[in-house]
Amino acid sequence: MLFKYLKSFFYILLALLLYILGIKFWNIIWKEILYYIIFPSIFILINYAFIKLILWYIKFYNNLLIIHNWQLIVIKTSLFLKDDIEFIDLNKITKLDIFCRGIIPNFLSYWVLVVEQQRDWVREFHLIPKPYKALSLIKKEKEDYINENKTRYIVDTSKDNI
């Protein structure tokens, strides 16, 4: 998130620089250039920075992982472009892994969760808060699923059927 803030701050700083240069050199620059090019571009830069930041927040907070009923439900939505819902059965997950690259994600405990499925499909879920908790929840749910299915299909052979 730091890079998104820095990018927005850079655009606002660029708009402020254009404003200062336009006010300082308004006698030298033609008034038409100042009024019809520089001030509208300042307005566009500031709006672009805020809209990109707001859309990134919406995209960030609408990426959900839900563990329910022995399924991993992946919901990815944004405001305009994308609405995806995907169901992954826990019995199709072969390997779970988490990793972190960088000092800031490690410090803030936002890691990447890697889910390997059958047929060598690998899914990476970025910016997972408290990754060990998410990993343990998925593993616990998978073990419960396996134990539930084992009890369904075990045949009792201890009694003699005579």
C-alpha atoms as a PDB file:
ATOM      1  CA  MET A   1       0.000   0.000   0.000  1.00  0.00           C
ATOM      2  CA  LEU A   2       2.964   2.251   0.554  1.00  0.00           C
ATOM      3  CA  PHE A   3       3.730   2.297  -3.182  1.00  0.00           C
ATOM      4  CA  LYS A   4       0.145   3.274  -4.011  1.00  0.00           C
ATOM      5  CA  TYR A   5       0.353   6.154  -1.552  1.00  0.00           C
ATOM      6  CA  LEU A   6       3.713   7.238  -2.943  1.00  0.00           C
ATOM      7  CA  LYS A   7       2.356   7.157  -6.486  1.00  0.00           C
ATOM      8  CA  SER A   8      -0.648   9.303  -5.502  1.00  0.00           C
ATOM      9  CA  PHE A   9       1.618  11.650  -3.560  1.00  0.00           C
ATOM     10  CA  PHE A  10       3.880  11.966  -6.618  1.00  0.00           C
ATOM     11  CA  TYR A  11       0.926  12.980  -8.848  1.00  0.00           C
ATOM     12  CA  ILE A  12      -0.267  15.529  -6.295  1.00  0.00           C
ATOM     13  CA  LEU A  13       3.275  16.872  -5.921  1.00  0.00           C
ATOM     14  CA  LEU A  14       3.527  17.184  -9.712  1.00  0.00           C
ATOM     15  CA  ALA A  15       0.226  19.094  -9.788  1.00  0.00           C
ATOM     16  CA  LEU A  16       1.450  21.377  -7.006  1.00  0.00           C
ATOM     17  CA  LEU A  17       4.674  22.018  -8.925  1.00  0.00           C
ATOM     18  CA  LEU A  18       2.695  22.922 -12.057  1.00  0.00           C
ATOM     19  CA  TYR A  19       0.528  25.270  -9.999  1.00  0.00           C
ATOM     20  CA  ILE A  20       3.545  27.006  -8.440  1.00  0.00           C
ATOM     21  CA  LEU A  21       5.250  27.386 -11.826  1.00  0.00           C
ATOM     22  CA  GLY A  22       2.018  28.688 -13.392  1.00  0.00           C
ATOM     23  CA  ILE A  23       1.499  31.298 -10.661  1.00  0.00           C
ATOM     24  CA  LYS A  24       5.151  32.319 -10.518  1.00  0.00           C
ATOM     25  CA  PHE A  25       5.568  32.766 -14.283  1.00  0.00           C
ATOM     26  CA  TRP A  26       2.063  33.934 -15.183  1.00  0.00           C
ATOM     27  CA  ASN A  27       3.427  37.151 -16.702  1.00  0.00           C
ATOM     28  CA  ILE A  28       5.774  35.254 -19.014  1.00  0.00           C
ATOM     29  CA  ILE A  29       3.371  32.457 -19.995  1.00  0.00           C
ATOM     30  CA  TRP A  30       0.449  33.394 -22.169  1.00  0.00           C
ATOM     31  CA  LYS A  31      -2.749  33.519 -20.186  1.00  0.00           C
ATOM     32  CA  GLU A  32      -4.460  31.173 -22.651  1.00  0.00           C
ATOM     33  CA  ILE A  33      -1.824  28.481 -22.033  1.00  0.00           C
ATOM     34  CA  LEU A  34      -2.136  29.005 -18.300  1.00  0.00           C
ATOM     35  CA  TYR A  35      -5.937  28.928 -18.210  1.00  0.00           C
ATOM     36  CA  TYR A  36      -6.613  26.309 -20.880  1.00  0.00           C
ATOM     37  CA  ILE A  37      -3.674  23.897 -20.522  1.00  0.00           C
ATOM     38  CA  ILE A  38      -1.884  24.135 -17.171  1.00  0.00           C
ATOM     39  CA  PHE A  39      -4.835  24.560 -14.791  1.00  0.00           C
ATOM     40  CA  PRO A  40      -6.953  21.813 -16.433  1.00  0.00           C
ATOM     41  CA  SER A  41      -3.962  19.455 -16.385  1.00  0.00           C
ATOM     42  CA  ILE A  42      -3.534  20.188 -12.643  1.00  0.00           C
ATOM     43  CA  PHE A  43      -7.202  19.342 -12.133  1.00  0.00           C
ATOM     44  CA  ILE A  44      -6.844  16.122 -14.160  1.00  0.00           C
ATOM     45  CA  LEU A  45      -3.689  15.036 -12.285  1.00  0.00           C
ATOM     46  CA  ILE A  46      -5.257  15.484  -8.848  1.00  0.00           C
ATOM     47  CA  ASN A  47      -8.457  13.701  -9.844  1.00  0.00           C
ATOM     48  CA  TYR A  48      -6.502  10.887 -11.500  1.00  0.00           C
ATOM     49  CA  ALA A  49      -4.439  10.355  -8.342  1.00  0.00           C
ATOM     50  CA  PHE A  50      -7.481  10.173  -6.065  1.00  0.00           C
ATOM     51  CA  ILE A  51      -9.574   8.024  -8.397  1.00  0.00           C
ATOM     52  CA  LYS A  52      -6.729   5.511  -8.872  1.00  0.00           C
ATOM     53  CA  LEU A  53      -6.242   5.322  -5.099  1.00  0.00           C
ATOM     54  CA  ILE A  54      -9.946   4.842  -4.413  1.00  0.00           C
ATOM     55  CA  LEU A  55     -10.314   2.169  -7.121  1.00  0.00           C
ATOM     56  CA  TRP A  56      -7.275   0.363  -5.743  1.00  0.00           C
ATOM     57  CA  TYR A  57      -8.841   0.380  -2.261  1.00  0.00           C
ATOM     58  CA  ILE A  58     -12.064  -1.061  -3.672  1.00  0.00           C
ATOM     59  CA  LYS A  59     -10.142  -3.746  -5.539  1.00  0.00           C
ATOM     60  CA  PHE A  60      -8.001  -4.537  -2.493  1.00  0.00           C
ATOM     61  CA  TYR A  61     -10.883  -4.936  -0.062  1.00  0.00           C
ATOM     62  CA  ASN A  62     -13.077  -6.896  -2.483  1.00  0.00           C
ATOM     63  CA  ASN A  63     -10.654  -9.793  -2.926  1.00  0.00           C
ATOM     64  CA  LEU A  64     -11.908 -12.390  -0.478  1.00  0.00           C
ATOM     65  CA  LEU A  65     -10.999 -15.930   0.480  1.00  0.00           C
ATOM     66  CA  ILE A  66     -13.785 -17.793   2.274  1.00  0.00           C
ATOM     67  CA  ILE A  67     -13.501 -21.294   3.715  1.00  0.00           C
ATOM     68  CA  HIS A  68     -16.953 -22.829   3.918  1.00  0.00           C
ATOM     69  CA  ASN A  69     -18.395 -26.306   3.601  1.00  0.00           C
ATOM     70  CA  TRP A  70     -15.120 -27.939   2.576  1.00  0.00           C
ATOM     71  CA  GLN A  71     -14.585 -25.446  -0.203  1.00  0.00           C
ATOM     72  CA  LEU A  72     -12.268 -22.526  -0.678  1.00  0.00           C
ATOM     73  CA  ILE A  73     -14.329 -19.745  -2.226  1.00  0.00           C
ATOM     74  CA  VAL A  74     -12.360 -17.049  -4.049  1.00  0.00           C
ATOM     75  CA  ILE A  75     -14.261 -13.830  -4.731  1.00  0.00           C
ATOM     76  CA  LYS A  76     -12.535 -11.159  -6.803  1.00  0.00           C
ATOM     77  CA  THR A  77     -14.489  -8.039  -7.638  1.00  0.00           C
ATOM     78  CA  SER A  78     -13.759  -4.499  -8.601  1.00  0.00           C
ATOM     79  CA  LEU A  79     -16.127  -1.627  -9.097  1.00  0.00           C
ATOM     80  CA  PHE A  80     -16.305  -1.706 -12.885  1.00  0.00           C
ATOM     81  CA  LEU A  81     -14.304  -4.361 -14.647  1.00  0.00           C
ATOM     82  CA  LYS A  82     -14.263  -7.707 -12.910  1.00  0.00           C
ATOM     83  CA  ASP A  83     -16.595  -9.985 -10.947  1.00  0.00           C
ATOM     84  CA  ASP A  84     -15.216 -13.507 -10.455  1.00  0.00           C
ATOM     85  CA  ILE A  85     -16.333 -16.209  -8.043  1.00  0.00           C
ATOM     86  CA  GLU A  86     -14.408 -19.454  -7.961  1.00  0.00           C
ATOM     87  CA  PHE A  87     -14.964 -22.582  -5.871  1.00  0.00           C
ATOM     88  CA  ILE A  88     -11.992 -24.832  -5.090  1.00  0.00           C
ATOM     89  CA  ASP A  89     -12.724 -28.165  -3.444  1.00  0.00           C
ATOM     90  CA  LEU A  90     -10.420 -28.844  -0.535  1.00  0.00           C
ATOM     91  CA  ASN A  91      -9.817 -32.413  -1.689  1.00  0.00           C
ATOM     92  CA  LYS A  92      -8.292 -31.053  -4.920  1.00  0.00           C
ATOM     93  CA  ILE A  93      -5.681 -29.045  -3.043  1.00  0.00           C
ATOM     94  CA  THR A  94      -2.397 -30.932  -2.996  1.00  0.00           C
ATOM     95  CA  LYS A  95      -0.025 -28.430  -1.377  1.00  0.00           C
ATOM     96  CA  LEU A  96      -0.297 -25.227   0.623  1.00  0.00           C
ATOM     97  CA  ASP A  97       2.590 -22.836   1.058  1.00  0.00           C
ATOM     98  CA  ILE A  98       3.188 -19.267   2.212  1.00  0.00           C
ATOM     99  CA  PHE A  99       6.088 -16.978   1.461  1.00  0.00           C
ATOM    100  CA  CYS A 100       7.093 -13.377   1.854  1.00  0.00           C
ATOM    101  CA  ARG A 101       9.376 -11.218  -0.226  1.00  0.00           C
ATOM    102  CA  GLY A 102      10.434  -7.881   1.101  1.00  0.00           C
ATOM    103  CA  ILE A 103      10.970  -6.127   4.385  1.00  0.00           C
ATOM    104  CA  ILE A 104       7.721  -4.162   4.540  1.00  0.00           C
ATOM    105  CA  PRO A 105       5.356  -7.115   3.818  1.00  0.00           C
ATOM    106  CA  ASN A 106       7.257  -9.197   6.366  1.00  0.00           C
ATOM    107  CA  PHE A 107       7.070  -6.449   8.966  1.00  0.00           C
ATOM    108  CA  LEU A 108       3.342  -5.894   8.383  1.00  0.00           C
ATOM    109  CA  SER A 109       2.668  -9.664   8.092  1.00  0.00           C
ATOM    110  CA  TYR A 110       1.105  -9.547   4.617  1.00  0.00           C
ATOM    111  CA  TRP A 111       2.345 -12.631   2.824  1.00  0.00           C
ATOM    112  CA  VAL A 112       1.494 -14.658  -0.284  1.00  0.00           C
ATOM    113  CA  LEU A 113      -0.544 -17.843   0.037  1.00  0.00           C
ATOM    114  CA  VAL A 114       0.236 -20.428  -2.649  1.00  0.00           C
ATOM    115  CA  VAL A 115      -2.350 -23.141  -3.316  1.00  0.00           C
ATOM    116  CA  GLU A 116      -1.309 -25.984  -5.595  1.00  0.00           C
ATOM    117  CA  GLN A 117      -4.161 -27.982  -7.057  1.00  0.00           C
ATOM    118  CA  GLN A 118      -4.316 -31.183  -8.994  1.00  0.00           C
ATOM    119  CA  ARG A 119      -3.116 -31.015 -12.605  1.00  0.00           C
ATOM    120  CA  ASP A 120      -0.303 -28.653 -11.588  1.00  0.00           C
ATOM    121  CA  TRP A 121      -2.487 -25.587 -11.205  1.00  0.00           C
ATOM    122  CA  VAL A 122      -0.878 -23.047  -8.920  1.00  0.00           C
ATOM    123  CA  ARG A 123      -2.826 -20.142  -7.478  1.00  0.00           C
ATOM    124  CA  GLU A 124      -1.167 -17.281  -5.636  1.00  0.00           C
ATOM    125  CA  PHE A 125      -3.179 -15.080  -3.320  1.00  0.00           C
ATOM    126  CA  HIS A 126      -1.300 -11.900  -2.505  1.00  0.00           C
ATOM    127  CA  LEU A 127      -1.450  -9.729   0.605  1.00  0.00           C
ATOM    128  CA  ILE A 128      -2.952 -12.307   2.964  1.00  0.00           C
ATOM    129  CA  PRO A 129      -2.973 -10.905   6.517  1.00  0.00           C
ATOM    130  CA  LYS A 130      -1.831 -13.338   9.221  1.00  0.00           C
ATOM    131  CA  PRO A 131      -0.859 -16.074   6.759  1.00  0.00           C
ATOM    132  CA  TYR A 132      -0.182 -18.747   9.368  1.00  0.00           C
ATOM    133  CA  LYS A 133      -3.740 -18.429  10.652  1.00  0.00           C
ATOM    134  CA  ALA A 134      -5.170 -18.735   7.123  1.00  0.00           C
ATOM    135  CA  LEU A 135      -2.897 -21.713   6.415  1.00  0.00           C
ATOM    136  CA  SER A 136      -3.898 -23.474   9.618  1.00  0.00           C
ATOM    137  CA  LEU A 137      -7.603 -22.848   8.940  1.00  0.00           C
ATOM    138  CA  ILE A 138      -7.369 -24.343   5.453  1.00  0.00           C
ATOM    139  CA  LYS A 139      -5.381 -27.350   6.718  1.00  0.00           C
ATOM    140  CA  LYS A 140      -7.841 -27.935   9.575  1.00  0.00           C
ATOM    141  CA  GLU A 141     -10.802 -27.768   7.219  1.00  0.00           C
ATOM    142  CA  LYS A 142      -9.079 -30.177   4.828  1.00  0.00           C
ATOM    143  CA  GLU A 143      -8.343 -32.638   7.650  1.00  0.00           C
ATOM    144  CA  ASP A 144     -11.967 -32.423   8.794  1.00  0.00           C
ATOM    145  CA  TYR A 145     -13.068 -33.158   5.249  1.00  0.00           C
ATOM    146  CA  ILE A 146     -10.768 -36.181   5.015  1.00  0.00           C
ATOM    147  CA  ASN A 147     -11.893 -37.493   8.424  1.00  0.00           C
ATOM    148  CA  GLU A 148     -15.548 -37.039   7.491  1.00  0.00           C
ATOM    149  CA  ASN A 149     -15.100 -39.002   4.277  1.00  0.00           C
ATOM    150  CA  LYS A 150     -13.134 -41.766   6.027  1.00  0.00           C
ATOM    151  CA  THR A 151     -15.918 -42.405   8.506  1.00  0.00           C
ATOM    152  CA  ARG A 152     -18.418 -42.713   5.693  1.00  0.00           C
ATOM    153  CA  TYR A 153     -16.611 -45.477   3.852  1.00  0.00           C
ATOM    154  CA  ILE A 154     -14.996 -47.573   6.587  1.00  0.00           C
ATOM    155  CA  VAL A 155     -16.575 -50.992   6.858  1.00  0.00           C
ATOM    156  CA  ASP A 156     -16.764 -52.561  10.271  1.00  0.00           C
ATOM    157  CA  THR A 157     -15.059 -55.975   9.989  1.00  0.00           C
ATOM    158  CA  SER A 158     -14.752 -56.723  13.682  1.00  0.00           C
ATOM    159  CA  LYS A 159     -18.109 -58.542  13.903  1.00  0.00           C
ATOM    160  CA  ASP A 160     -18.458 -61.968  12.439  1.00  0.00           C
ATOM    161  CA  ASN A 161     -21.462 -62.270  10.237  1.00  0.00           C
ATOM    162  CA  ILE A 162     -22.537 -65.886  10.800  1.00  0.00           C
END
